[in-house]
PDB file of N, CA and C in Angstrom:
ATOM      1  N   MET A   1      63.993  99.705  31.031  1.00  0.00           N
ATOM      2  CA  MET A   1      64.149 100.107  32.266  1.00  0.00           C
ATOM      3  C   MET A   1      65.606 100.010  32.498  1.00  0.00           C
ATOM      4  N   SER A   2      65.937 101.111  33.265  1.00  0.00           N
ATOM      5  CA  SER A   2      67.291 101.703  33.509  1.00  0.00           C
ATOM      6  C   SER A   2      67.733 100.954  34.747  1.00  0.00           C
ATOM      7  N   LYS A   3      69.192 100.670  34.480  1.00  0.00           N
ATOM      8  CA  LYS A   3      69.986  99.609  35.689  1.00  0.00           C
ATOM      9  C   LYS A   3      70.323 100.496  37.178  1.00  0.00           C
ATOM     10  N   SER A   4      69.596  99.372  37.880  1.00  0.00           N
ATOM     11  CA  SER A   4      69.913 100.270  39.406  1.00  0.00           C
ATOM     12  C   SER A   4      71.459 100.888  39.823  1.00  0.00           C
ATOM     13  N   LYS A   5      71.558 101.431  41.012  1.00  0.00           N
ATOM     14  CA  LYS A   5      72.567 101.950  41.082  1.00  0.00           C
ATOM     15  C   LYS A   5      73.463 100.959  41.649  1.00  0.00           C
ATOM     16  N   VAL A   6      73.383 100.074  42.134  1.00  0.00           N
ATOM     17  CA  VAL A   6      74.023  99.006  42.605  1.00  0.00           C
ATOM     18  C   VAL A   6      74.444  98.270  41.163  1.00  0.00           C
ATOM     19  N   GLU A   7      73.799  97.812  40.400  1.00  0.00           N
ATOM     20  CA  GLU A   7      74.401  97.389  38.697  1.00  0.00           C
ATOM     21  C   GLU A   7      75.225  98.149  38.477  1.00  0.00           C
ATOM     22  N   GLU A   8      74.920  99.669  38.102  1.00  0.00           N
ATOM     23  CA  GLU A   8      75.893 100.098  37.502  1.00  0.00           C
ATOM     24  C   GLU A   8      77.189 100.430  38.416  1.00  0.00           C
ATOM     25  N   PHE A   9      77.022 100.529  39.754  1.00  0.00           N
ATOM     26  CA  PHE A   9      78.128 100.930  40.347  1.00  0.00           C
ATOM     27  C   PHE A   9      79.335  99.244  40.326  1.00  0.00           C
ATOM     28  N   LYS A  10      78.318  98.143  40.608  1.00  0.00           N
ATOM     29  CA  LYS A  10      79.334  97.105  40.343  1.00  0.00           C
ATOM     30  C   LYS A  10      80.074  96.904  39.181  1.00  0.00           C
ATOM     31  N   LYS A  11      79.402  97.325  38.139  1.00  0.00           N
ATOM     32  CA  LYS A  11      79.567  96.948  36.618  1.00  0.00           C
ATOM     33  C   LYS A  11      81.015  98.040  36.262  1.00  0.00           C
ATOM     34  N   THR A  12      80.829  99.529  37.096  1.00  0.00           N
ATOM     35  CA  THR A  12      81.874 100.502  36.412  1.00  0.00           C
ATOM     36  C   THR A  12      83.069 100.198  37.739  1.00  0.00           C
ATOM     37  N   ARG A  13      82.859  99.315  38.831  1.00  0.00           N
ATOM     38  CA  ARG A  13      84.049  99.285  39.846  1.00  0.00           C
ATOM     39  C   ARG A  13      84.486  97.635  39.128  1.00  0.00           C
ATOM     40  N   ASP A  14      83.957  96.887  38.708  1.00  0.00           N
ATOM     41  CA  ASP A  14      84.597  95.817  38.206  1.00  0.00           C
ATOM     42  C   ASP A  14      85.743  96.551  36.773  1.00  0.00           C
ATOM     43  N   LYS A  15      84.993  97.245  36.115  1.00  0.00           N
ATOM     44  CA  LYS A  15      86.009  97.562  34.833  1.00  0.00           C
ATOM     45  C   LYS A  15      87.050  98.515  35.180  1.00  0.00           C
ATOM     46  N   GLN A  16      86.934  99.242  36.305  1.00  0.00           N
ATOM     47  CA  GLN A  16      87.976 100.240  36.729  1.00  0.00           C
ATOM     48  C   GLN A  16      89.304  99.197  37.687  1.00  0.00           C
ATOM     49  N   ASN A  17      88.753  98.226  38.283  1.00  0.00           N
ATOM     50  CA  ASN A  17      89.741  97.424  38.969  1.00  0.00           C
ATOM     51  C   ASN A  17      90.571  96.539  37.906  1.00  0.00           C
ATOM     52  N   GLU A  18      89.661  96.247  36.566  1.00  0.00           N
ATOM     53  CA  GLU A  18      91.056  95.814  35.818  1.00  0.00           C
ATOM     54  C   GLU A  18      91.780  96.634  35.443  1.00  0.00           C
ATOM     55  N   ILE A  19      91.217  97.603  35.137  1.00  0.00           N
ATOM     56  CA  ILE A  19      92.451  98.529  34.926  1.00  0.00           C
ATOM     57  C   ILE A  19      93.405  99.077  35.708  1.00  0.00           C
ATOM     58  N   LEU A  20      93.007  98.903  37.218  1.00  0.00           N
ATOM     59  CA  LEU A  20      93.967  99.192  38.094  1.00  0.00           C
ATOM     60  C   LEU A  20      94.917  97.856  38.423  1.00  0.00           C
ATOM     61  N   ALA A  21      94.497  96.823  38.274  1.00  0.00           N
ATOM     62  CA  ALA A  21      95.067  95.581  38.067  1.00  0.00           C
ATOM     63  C   ALA A  21      96.203  95.885  37.205  1.00  0.00           C
ATOM     64  N   LYS A  22      95.838  96.328  36.244  1.00  0.00           N
ATOM     65  CA  LYS A  22      96.906  96.529  35.039  1.00  0.00           C
ATOM     66  C   LYS A  22      98.113  97.118  35.270  1.00  0.00           C
ATOM     67  N   TYR A  23      98.218  98.275  36.185  1.00  0.00           N
ATOM     68  CA  TYR A  23      98.994  98.900  36.202  1.00  0.00           C
ATOM     69  C   TYR A  23      99.485  99.280  37.709  1.00  0.00           C
ATOM     70  N   ALA A  24      98.822  98.544  38.208  1.00  0.00           N
ATOM     71  CA  ALA A  24      98.852  98.364  39.882  1.00  0.00           C
ATOM     72  C   ALA A  24     100.565  97.570  40.183  1.00  0.00           C
ATOM     73  N   ASN A  25     101.606  98.361  40.973  1.00  0.00           N
ATOM     74  CA  ASN A  25     102.637  97.932  41.107  1.00  0.00           C
ATOM     75  C   ASN A  25     102.658  96.738  42.543  1.00  0.00           C
ATOM     76  N   ARG A  26     103.885  95.986  42.690  1.00  0.00           N
ATOM     77  CA  ARG A  26     103.573  94.656  43.940  1.00  0.00           C
ATOM     78  C   ARG A  26     102.998  95.432  45.097  1.00  0.00           C
ATOM     79  N   ASN A  27     103.410  96.652  45.761  1.00  0.00           N
ATOM     80  CA  ASN A  27     103.098  96.826  46.742  1.00  0.00           C
ATOM     81  C   ASN A  27     101.427  97.501  46.910  1.00  0.00           C
ATOM     82  N   GLN A  28     101.093  97.915  46.020  1.00  0.00           N
ATOM     83  CA  GLN A  28      99.631  98.360  45.619  1.00  0.00           C
ATOM     84  C   GLN A  28      98.925  96.776  45.457  1.00  0.00           C
ATOM     85  N   LYS A  29      99.351  95.894  44.899  1.00  0.00           N
ATOM     86  CA  LYS A  29      98.943  94.415  45.102  1.00  0.00           C
ATOM     87  C   LYS A  29      98.598  94.060  46.526  1.00  0.00           C
ATOM     88  N   LYS A  30      99.606  94.092  47.142  1.00  0.00           N
ATOM     89  CA  LYS A  30      99.766  93.971  48.695  1.00  0.00           C
ATOM     90  C   LYS A  30      98.658  94.573  49.340  1.00  0.00           C
ATOM     91  N   PHE A  31      98.678  95.554  49.286  1.00  0.00           N
ATOM     92  CA  PHE A  31      97.300  96.250  49.561  1.00  0.00           C
ATOM     93  C   PHE A  31      96.012  95.827  49.190  1.00  0.00           C
ATOM     94  N   TYR A  32      95.862  95.690  48.115  1.00  0.00           N
ATOM     95  CA  TYR A  32      94.421  95.260  47.974  1.00  0.00           C
ATOM     96  C   TYR A  32      94.095  93.889  48.308  1.00  0.00           C
ATOM     97  N   GLY A  33      95.350  92.662  48.651  1.00  0.00           N
ATOM     98  CA  GLY A  33      94.858  91.877  49.210  1.00  0.00           C
ATOM     99  C   GLY A  33      94.866  91.308  50.789  1.00  0.00           C
ATOM    100  N   LEU A  34      95.631  92.748  51.159  1.00  0.00           N
ATOM    101  CA  LEU A  34      95.214  92.921  52.572  1.00  0.00           C
ATOM    102  C   LEU A  34      93.978  93.406  53.022  1.00  0.00           C
ATOM    103  N   ASP A  35      93.479  94.046  52.020  1.00  0.00           N
ATOM    104  CA  ASP A  35      91.952  94.920  52.356  1.00  0.00           C
ATOM    105  C   ASP A  35      91.058  93.625  52.051  1.00  0.00           C
ATOM    106  N   ALA A  36      91.080  92.670  51.117  1.00  0.00           N
ATOM    107  CA  ALA A  36      90.083  91.705  50.604  1.00  0.00           C
ATOM    108  C   ALA A  36      89.790  90.430  51.806  1.00  0.00           C
ATOM    109  N   SER A  37      91.149  90.106  52.230  1.00  0.00           N
ATOM    110  CA  SER A  37      91.265  89.383  53.503  1.00  0.00           C
ATOM    111  C   SER A  37      90.919  89.852  54.655  1.00  0.00           C
ATOM    112  N   THR A  38      91.247  90.918  55.096  1.00  0.00           N
ATOM    113  CA  THR A  38      90.558  91.724  56.160  1.00  0.00           C
ATOM    114  C   THR A  38      89.233  91.715  56.831  1.00  0.00           C
ATOM    115  N   TYR A  39      88.470  91.700  55.466  1.00  0.00           N
ATOM    116  CA  TYR A  39      86.813  91.346  55.542  1.00  0.00           C
ATOM    117  C   TYR A  39      86.485  89.694  55.775  1.00  0.00           C
ATOM    118  N   GLN A  40      87.028  89.013  55.893  1.00  0.00           N
ATOM    119  CA  GLN A  40      87.178  87.696  55.832  1.00  0.00           C
ATOM    120  C   GLN A  40      86.839  87.347  57.326  1.00  0.00           C
ATOM    121  N   SER A  41      85.492  86.370  57.515  1.00  0.00           N
ATOM    122  CA  SER A  41      85.613  86.033  59.230  1.00  0.00           C
ATOM    123  C   SER A  41      86.869  85.389  59.717  1.00  0.00           C
ATOM    124  N   GLY A  42      86.741  85.820  61.012  1.00  0.00           N
ATOM    125  CA  GLY A  42      87.760  85.530  62.091  1.00  0.00           C
ATOM    126  C   GLY A  42      87.169  85.629  63.473  1.00  0.00           C
ATOM    127  N   ALA A  43      87.831  86.650  64.368  1.00  0.00           N
ATOM    128  CA  ALA A  43      87.318  86.634  65.416  1.00  0.00           C
ATOM    129  C   ALA A  43      85.843  87.242  65.487  1.00  0.00           C
ATOM    130  N   LEU A  44      86.314  88.382  64.467  1.00  0.00           N
ATOM    131  CA  LEU A  44      84.306  88.669  63.954  1.00  0.00           C
ATOM    132  C   LEU A  44      84.051  88.166  62.615  1.00  0.00           C
ATOM    133  N   ASP A  45      82.721  88.125  63.035  1.00  0.00           N
ATOM    134  CA  ASP A  45      82.035  87.750  61.339  1.00  0.00           C
ATOM    135  C   ASP A  45      82.161  88.425  60.560  1.00  0.00           C
ATOM    136  N   LYS A  46      82.154  88.098  59.472  1.00  0.00           N
ATOM    137  CA  LYS A  46      82.057  88.987  57.902  1.00  0.00           C
ATOM    138  C   LYS A  46      80.793  89.813  58.275  1.00  0.00           C
ATOM    139  N   LYS A  47      79.910  89.630  58.763  1.00  0.00           N
ATOM    140  CA  LYS A  47      78.897  90.649  58.867  1.00  0.00           C
ATOM    141  C   LYS A  47      78.697  91.818  59.745  1.00  0.00           C
ATOM    142  N   THR A  48      79.816  91.719  60.833  1.00  0.00           N
ATOM    143  CA  THR A  48      80.438  92.737  62.068  1.00  0.00           C
ATOM    144  C   THR A  48      81.616  93.436  61.276  1.00  0.00           C
ATOM    145  N   LYS A  49      82.203  92.812  60.323  1.00  0.00           N
ATOM    146  CA  LYS A  49      83.275  93.528  59.825  1.00  0.00           C
ATOM    147  C   LYS A  49      82.551  94.679  58.887  1.00  0.00           C
ATOM    148  N   GLU A  50      81.573  94.151  58.082  1.00  0.00           N
ATOM    149  CA  GLU A  50      81.043  94.983  56.784  1.00  0.00           C
ATOM    150  C   GLU A  50      80.155  96.074  57.511  1.00  0.00           C
ATOM    151  N   LEU A  51      80.011  95.821  58.756  1.00  0.00           N
ATOM    152  CA  LEU A  51      79.207  97.048  59.257  1.00  0.00           C
ATOM    153  C   LEU A  51      80.141  97.993  60.063  1.00  0.00           C
ATOM    154  N   LEU A  52      80.899  97.763  60.301  1.00  0.00           N
ATOM    155  CA  LEU A  52      82.182  98.288  60.840  1.00  0.00           C
ATOM    156  C   LEU A  52      82.797  99.129  59.576  1.00  0.00           C
ATOM    157  N   GLY A  53      83.151  98.745  58.685  1.00  0.00           N
ATOM    158  CA  GLY A  53      83.240  99.164  57.352  1.00  0.00           C
ATOM    159  C   GLY A  53      82.644 100.294  57.003  1.00  0.00           C
ATOM    160  N   PHE A  54      81.148  99.977  56.810  1.00  0.00           N
ATOM    161  CA  PHE A  54      79.936 101.055  56.224  1.00  0.00           C
ATOM    162  C   PHE A  54      80.119 102.290  57.530  1.00  0.00           C
ATOM    163  N   THR A  55      80.265 101.899  59.025  1.00  0.00           N
ATOM    164  CA  THR A  55      80.484 102.720  59.494  1.00  0.00           C
ATOM    165  C   THR A  55      81.310 103.695  59.241  1.00  0.00           C
ATOM    166  N   ALA A  56      82.626 103.241  59.137  1.00  0.00           N
ATOM    167  CA  ALA A  56      84.207 103.862  58.905  1.00  0.00           C
ATOM    168  C   ALA A  56      83.811 104.874  57.874  1.00  0.00           C
ATOM    169  N   SER A  57      83.487 104.226  56.876  1.00  0.00           N
ATOM    170  CA  SER A  57      83.049 104.958  55.488  1.00  0.00           C
ATOM    171  C   SER A  57      81.958 106.096  55.442  1.00  0.00           C
ATOM    172  N   LEU A  58      80.898 106.007  56.381  1.00  0.00           N
ATOM    173  CA  LEU A  58      79.726 107.186  56.499  1.00  0.00           C
ATOM    174  C   LEU A  58      80.731 108.302  57.252  1.00  0.00           C
ATOM    175  N   VAL A  59      81.959 108.203  58.212  1.00  0.00           N
ATOM    176  CA  VAL A  59      82.629 108.961  58.986  1.00  0.00           C
ATOM    177  C   VAL A  59      83.430 109.412  58.312  1.00  0.00           C
ATOM    178  N   LEU A  60      84.285 108.637  57.270  1.00  0.00           N
ATOM    179  CA  LEU A  60      84.917 109.182  56.021  1.00  0.00           C
ATOM    180  C   LEU A  60      84.479 110.133  55.355  1.00  0.00           C
ATOM    181  N   ARG A  61      83.111 110.034  54.998  1.00  0.00           N
ATOM    182  CA  ARG A  61      82.191 110.424  53.729  1.00  0.00           C
ATOM    183  C   ARG A  61      82.634 109.948  52.521  1.00  0.00           C
ATOM    184  N   CYS A  62      83.008 108.695  52.288  1.00  0.00           N
ATOM    185  CA  CYS A  62      83.265 108.311  50.898  1.00  0.00           C
ATOM    186  C   CYS A  62      82.150 107.410  50.352  1.00  0.00           C
ATOM    187  N   ASP A  63      81.736 108.292  49.437  1.00  0.00           N
ATOM    188  CA  ASP A  63      80.506 107.639  48.823  1.00  0.00           C
ATOM    189  C   ASP A  63      80.742 105.981  48.126  1.00  0.00           C
ATOM    190  N   ASP A  64      81.647 106.065  47.370  1.00  0.00           N
ATOM    191  CA  ASP A  64      82.037 104.624  46.576  1.00  0.00           C
ATOM    192  C   ASP A  64      82.036 103.671  47.620  1.00  0.00           C
ATOM    193  N   CYS A  65      82.799 103.957  49.117  1.00  0.00           N
ATOM    194  CA  CYS A  65      82.878 102.876  50.363  1.00  0.00           C
ATOM    195  C   CYS A  65      81.965 102.655  50.454  1.00  0.00           C
ATOM    196  N   ILE A  66      81.045 103.746  50.906  1.00  0.00           N
ATOM    197  CA  ILE A  66      79.659 103.605  51.504  1.00  0.00           C
ATOM    198  C   ILE A  66      78.824 102.334  50.818  1.00  0.00           C
ATOM    199  N   LEU A  67      78.822 102.904  49.574  1.00  0.00           N
ATOM    200  CA  LEU A  67      78.232 101.850  48.629  1.00  0.00           C
ATOM    201  C   LEU A  67      78.604 100.461  48.507  1.00  0.00           C
ATOM    202  N   TYR A  68      80.053 100.228  48.494  1.00  0.00           N
ATOM    203  CA  TYR A  68      80.533  99.210  48.550  1.00  0.00           C
ATOM    204  C   TYR A  68      80.250  98.570  49.545  1.00  0.00           C
ATOM    205  N   HIS A  69      80.309  98.784  50.782  1.00  0.00           N
ATOM    206  CA  HIS A  69      80.266  98.297  51.793  1.00  0.00           C
ATOM    207  C   HIS A  69      78.694  98.025  52.176  1.00  0.00           C
ATOM    208  N   LEU A  70      77.695  98.819  51.510  1.00  0.00           N
ATOM    209  CA  LEU A  70      76.317  98.396  51.751  1.00  0.00           C
ATOM    210  C   LEU A  70      76.236  97.227  51.356  1.00  0.00           C
ATOM    211  N   ILE A  71      76.502  97.354  50.258  1.00  0.00           N
ATOM    212  CA  ILE A  71      76.403  96.095  49.005  1.00  0.00           C
ATOM    213  C   ILE A  71      76.575  94.729  49.725  1.00  0.00           C
ATOM    214  N   GLU A  72      78.000  95.054  50.406  1.00  0.00           N
ATOM    215  CA  GLU A  72      78.387  93.766  50.929  1.00  0.00           C
ATOM    216  C   GLU A  72      77.612  93.385  52.403  1.00  0.00           C
ATOM    217  N   CYS A  73      76.981  94.484  52.783  1.00  0.00           N
ATOM    218  CA  CYS A  73      76.347  94.441  54.229  1.00  0.00           C
ATOM    219  C   CYS A  73      75.017  93.636  53.952  1.00  0.00           C
ATOM    220  N   LYS A  74      74.464  93.841  52.909  1.00  0.00           N
ATOM    221  CA  LYS A  74      73.272  92.964  52.568  1.00  0.00           C
ATOM    222  C   LYS A  74      73.647  91.701  51.839  1.00  0.00           C
ATOM    223  N   GLU A  75      74.572  91.525  51.354  1.00  0.00           N
ATOM    224  CA  GLU A  75      75.051  90.174  51.010  1.00  0.00           C
ATOM    225  C   GLU A  75      75.626  89.295  52.014  1.00  0.00           C
ATOM    226  N   ALA A  76      76.100  90.021  53.276  1.00  0.00           N
ATOM    227  CA  ALA A  76      76.301  89.373  54.486  1.00  0.00           C
ATOM    228  C   ALA A  76      75.074  89.033  55.396  1.00  0.00           C
ATOM    229  N   GLY A  77      73.753  89.313  55.215  1.00  0.00           N
ATOM    230  CA  GLY A  77      72.586  89.061  55.636  1.00  0.00           C
ATOM    231  C   GLY A  77      72.383  90.422  56.957  1.00  0.00           C
ATOM    232  N   VAL A  78      72.958  91.335  56.728  1.00  0.00           N
ATOM    233  CA  VAL A  78      72.749  92.713  57.720  1.00  0.00           C
ATOM    234  C   VAL A  78      71.566  93.024  57.784  1.00  0.00           C
ATOM    235  N   THR A  79      70.848  92.977  58.736  1.00  0.00           N
ATOM    236  CA  THR A  79      69.289  93.688  58.654  1.00  0.00           C
ATOM    237  C   THR A  79      68.933  95.077  58.612  1.00  0.00           C
ATOM    238  N   THR A  80      67.842  95.367  58.503  1.00  0.00           N
ATOM    239  CA  THR A  80      67.858  96.927  58.240  1.00  0.00           C
ATOM    240  C   THR A  80      67.765  97.489  59.640  1.00  0.00           C
ATOM    241  N   GLU A  81      67.357  96.940  60.699  1.00  0.00           N
ATOM    242  CA  GLU A  81      67.768  97.147  61.753  1.00  0.00           C
ATOM    243  C   GLU A  81      68.914  97.632  62.503  1.00  0.00           C
ATOM    244  N   GLU A  82      70.210  96.494  62.076  1.00  0.00           N
ATOM    245  CA  GLU A  82      71.159  96.433  62.251  1.00  0.00           C
ATOM    246  C   GLU A  82      72.095  97.144  61.498  1.00  0.00           C
ATOM    247  N   LEU A  83      71.742  97.935  60.217  1.00  0.00           N
ATOM    248  CA  LEU A  83      72.065  98.795  59.474  1.00  0.00           C
ATOM    249  C   LEU A  83      71.458 100.018  59.952  1.00  0.00           C
ATOM    250  N   SER A  84      70.664 100.478  60.709  1.00  0.00           N
ATOM    251  CA  SER A  84      70.088 101.613  61.374  1.00  0.00           C
ATOM    252  C   SER A  84      71.321 101.970  62.471  1.00  0.00           C
ATOM    253  N   GLU A  85      71.088 100.939  63.005  1.00  0.00           N
ATOM    254  CA  GLU A  85      72.086 101.426  64.253  1.00  0.00           C
ATOM    255  C   GLU A  85      73.610 101.940  63.986  1.00  0.00           C
ATOM    256  N   ALA A  86      74.157 100.967  62.937  1.00  0.00           N
ATOM    257  CA  ALA A  86      75.571 100.913  62.656  1.00  0.00           C
ATOM    258  C   ALA A  86      75.258 102.618  61.856  1.00  0.00           C
ATOM    259  N   THR A  87      74.502 102.966  61.293  1.00  0.00           N
ATOM    260  CA  THR A  87      74.245 104.441  60.727  1.00  0.00           C
ATOM    261  C   THR A  87      73.979 105.364  61.850  1.00  0.00           C
ATOM    262  N   SER A  88      73.440 104.937  62.951  1.00  0.00           N
ATOM    263  CA  SER A  88      73.437 105.880  64.115  1.00  0.00           C
ATOM    264  C   SER A  88      74.608 106.242  64.804  1.00  0.00           C
ATOM    265  N   ILE A  89      75.739 105.223  64.936  1.00  0.00           N
ATOM    266  CA  ILE A  89      77.235 105.394  65.187  1.00  0.00           C
ATOM    267  C   ILE A  89      77.780 106.207  64.321  1.00  0.00           C
ATOM    268  N   GLY A  90      77.825 106.170  63.181  1.00  0.00           N
ATOM    269  CA  GLY A  90      78.411 106.427  62.305  1.00  0.00           C
ATOM    270  C   GLY A  90      78.108 108.271  62.254  1.00  0.00           C
ATOM    271  N   MET A  91      76.586 108.577  62.232  1.00  0.00           N
ATOM    272  CA  MET A  91      76.300 110.125  62.266  1.00  0.00           C
ATOM    273  C   MET A  91      76.621 110.575  63.501  1.00  0.00           C
ATOM    274  N   LEU A  92      76.742 109.905  64.765  1.00  0.00           N
ATOM    275  CA  LEU A  92      77.163 110.371  65.866  1.00  0.00           C
ATOM    276  C   LEU A  92      78.608 110.521  65.993  1.00  0.00           C
ATOM    277  N   VAL A  93      79.676 109.627  65.356  1.00  0.00           N
ATOM    278  CA  VAL A  93      81.109 110.213  65.093  1.00  0.00           C
ATOM    279  C   VAL A  93      81.291 111.064  64.320  1.00  0.00           C
ATOM    280  N   GLY A  94      80.813 111.055  63.202  1.00  0.00           N
ATOM    281  CA  GLY A  94      81.014 112.002  61.969  1.00  0.00           C
ATOM    282  C   GLY A  94      80.352 113.213  61.807  1.00  0.00           C
ATOM    283  N   GLY A  95      79.155 113.245  62.533  1.00  0.00           N
ATOM    284  CA  GLY A  95      78.111 114.520  62.946  1.00  0.00           C
ATOM    285  C   GLY A  95      77.407 114.688  61.584  1.00  0.00           C
ATOM    286  N   SER A  96      76.714 115.865  61.620  1.00  0.00           N
ATOM    287  CA  SER A  96      75.508 116.055  60.723  1.00  0.00           C
ATOM    288  C   SER A  96      75.927 116.285  59.280  1.00  0.00           C
ATOM    289  N   ILE A  97      77.357 116.224  59.257  1.00  0.00           N
ATOM    290  CA  ILE A  97      78.060 116.282  57.701  1.00  0.00           C
ATOM    291  C   ILE A  97      77.761 114.923  57.157  1.00  0.00           C
ATOM    292  N   THR A  98      77.381 113.771  57.819  1.00  0.00           N
ATOM    293  CA  THR A  98      77.364 112.858  57.333  1.00  0.00           C
ATOM    294  C   THR A  98      75.886 112.694  56.682  1.00  0.00           C
ATOM    295  N   ILE A  99      74.944 113.305  56.836  1.00  0.00           N
ATOM    296  CA  ILE A  99      73.880 113.205  56.740  1.00  0.00           C
ATOM    297  C   ILE A  99      73.197 113.113  55.277  1.00  0.00           C
ATOM    298  N   PRO A 100      73.749 113.850  54.304  1.00  0.00           N
ATOM    299  CA  PRO A 100      73.511 113.672  52.889  1.00  0.00           C
ATOM    300  C   PRO A 100      74.077 112.030  52.360  1.00  0.00           C
ATOM    301  N   HIS A 101      74.946 111.673  53.024  1.00  0.00           N
ATOM    302  CA  HIS A 101      75.671 110.112  52.651  1.00  0.00           C
ATOM    303  C   HIS A 101      74.697 109.048  53.092  1.00  0.00           C
ATOM    304  N   ILE A 102      74.277 109.466  54.135  1.00  0.00           N
ATOM    305  CA  ILE A 102      73.206 108.700  54.950  1.00  0.00           C
ATOM    306  C   ILE A 102      72.188 108.468  54.134  1.00  0.00           C
ATOM    307  N   ARG A 103      71.403 109.670  53.563  1.00  0.00           N
ATOM    308  CA  ARG A 103      70.357 109.627  53.035  1.00  0.00           C
ATOM    309  C   ARG A 103      70.512 108.871  51.161  1.00  0.00           C
ATOM    310  N   ARG A 104      71.862 109.217  50.787  1.00  0.00           N
ATOM    311  CA  ARG A 104      72.042 108.418  49.688  1.00  0.00           C
ATOM    312  C   ARG A 104      72.033 107.070  49.805  1.00  0.00           C
ATOM    313  N   ALA A 105      72.921 106.744  50.986  1.00  0.00           N
ATOM    314  CA  ALA A 105      72.740 105.111  51.388  1.00  0.00           C
ATOM    315  C   ALA A 105      71.407 104.533  51.510  1.00  0.00           C
ATOM    316  N   MET A 106      70.919 105.202  52.319  1.00  0.00           N
ATOM    317  CA  MET A 106      69.336 104.617  52.706  1.00  0.00           C
ATOM    318  C   MET A 106      68.326 104.603  51.317  1.00  0.00           C
ATOM    319  N   THR A 107      68.578 105.566  50.640  1.00  0.00           N
ATOM    320  CA  THR A 107      68.155 105.349  49.303  1.00  0.00           C
ATOM    321  C   THR A 107      68.051 104.009  48.558  1.00  0.00           C
ATOM    322  N   VAL A 108      69.465 103.870  48.304  1.00  0.00           N
ATOM    323  CA  VAL A 108      69.926 102.612  47.820  1.00  0.00           C
ATOM    324  C   VAL A 108      69.437 101.130  48.469  1.00  0.00           C
ATOM    325  N   TRP A 109      69.527 101.357  49.816  1.00  0.00           N
ATOM    326  CA  TRP A 109      68.918 100.243  50.498  1.00  0.00           C
ATOM    327  C   TRP A 109      67.640  99.987  50.253  1.00  0.00           C
ATOM    328  N   ASP A 110      66.836 101.108  50.180  1.00  0.00           N
ATOM    329  CA  ASP A 110      65.353 101.070  49.894  1.00  0.00           C
ATOM    330  C   ASP A 110      65.162 100.365  48.477  1.00  0.00           C
ATOM    331  N   GLU A 111      65.522 101.184  47.516  1.00  0.00           N
ATOM    332  CA  GLU A 111      65.341 101.088  46.215  1.00  0.00           C
ATOM    333  C   GLU A 111      65.939  99.655  45.614  1.00  0.00           C
ATOM    334  N   ASP A 112      67.409  99.411  45.879  1.00  0.00           N
ATOM    335  CA  ASP A 112      67.933  98.465  45.130  1.00  0.00           C
ATOM    336  C   ASP A 112      68.353  97.178  45.910  1.00  0.00           C
ATOM    337  N   LEU A 113      68.450  97.493  47.325  1.00  0.00           N
ATOM    338  CA  LEU A 113      68.918  96.089  48.255  1.00  0.00           C
ATOM    339  C   LEU A 113      67.716  95.596  49.047  1.00  0.00           C
ATOM    340  N   GLN A 114      66.400  95.850  48.851  1.00  0.00           N
ATOM    341  CA  GLN A 114      65.349  95.287  49.610  1.00  0.00           C
ATOM    342  C   GLN A 114      64.746  94.385  48.681  1.00  0.00           C
ATOM    343  N   ASP A 115      64.549  93.025  49.298  1.00  0.00           N
ATOM    344  CA  ASP A 115      63.601  91.936  48.121  1.00  0.00           C
ATOM    345  C   ASP A 115      62.127  91.974  47.842  1.00  0.00           C
TER     346      ASP A 115
END
């Protein structure tokens, strides 16, 4: 049985993050810390922030970011209906060029993130 796209992504990302940490300077480490703390619950809960991250990633068409936030959305309890509405916003803002990214995201959601 082959690994899911999610498992492979997590494994690769973890390995690359270890290498990145090895070479990161102080400013880069500060940025990574800011990134991690930004998605913690505050005035907006983590679930909402992950949906925002997912939508922004669709507009920017960053497949790694889309997959990362898709995984985080699932872990934060995002429903398929909530994801679908966030996807509609990303498509509206980003235009039809986002459709291939949405196809890949929804395939991962359907095949690897559903219980």
